[in-house]
Amino acid sequence: MLCEMCGIDVANPILSKISGTILQTCQKCSTMGVEASEREKVGNEKYISDVMNKRSNRLREKVNKTEKILISDFGNLIKNGRERKKWSQQELASKISEKKSTIASIENKQYKPEKKLIRKLETVLEIKLMEAIEIKEEMKSSKATGMTLADLMEKGNG
């Protein structure tokens, strides 16, 4: 490869920035400027392209998270737990400060208890009403609509 400054044959040219231009130079000519930055070595468009690809890949990574949900057979589980303790619906209701009608509605699956009530029932009946499920979701990248920085630069140069 030839030095773009003096023209001599160079085995390993050095990318140098001389007067704002990136040139492949020999060791001697490279002292006339500064060593080109990594961004300047690969080229601005390639550098921006690589950065944008890394960003979009990072935003598209799949995320696994666990969430607890109420089991589908909660009514029977509560009824069996209550009967195992030999309690009536009224006795269970008074132990957790609820109405008998609430307990009856839950056992018949007419009413889905809220988290606070679920915790009370789990504690007093010594049962588990919540189960963990794993949710895989793909994060959505925010796709901009409108003018990008590159569009603005092109518009300014045109």
Foldseek 3Di string as FASTA:
>chain_A
DAWPPPGDDDPQFFFFQAPNDTTGHDPVVNVNGHGDDPCVVVDVVVVVVVVVVVVVVVQFDKDKDKDKDFDPQQLCVLVVLCVVVPHQLCRLCVQLVHHSVVNVCVNVVVDDDDPVVQVSSCVVSVHDGIDMDMDIDTRDDDDDPDDDPVNVVVVVVD
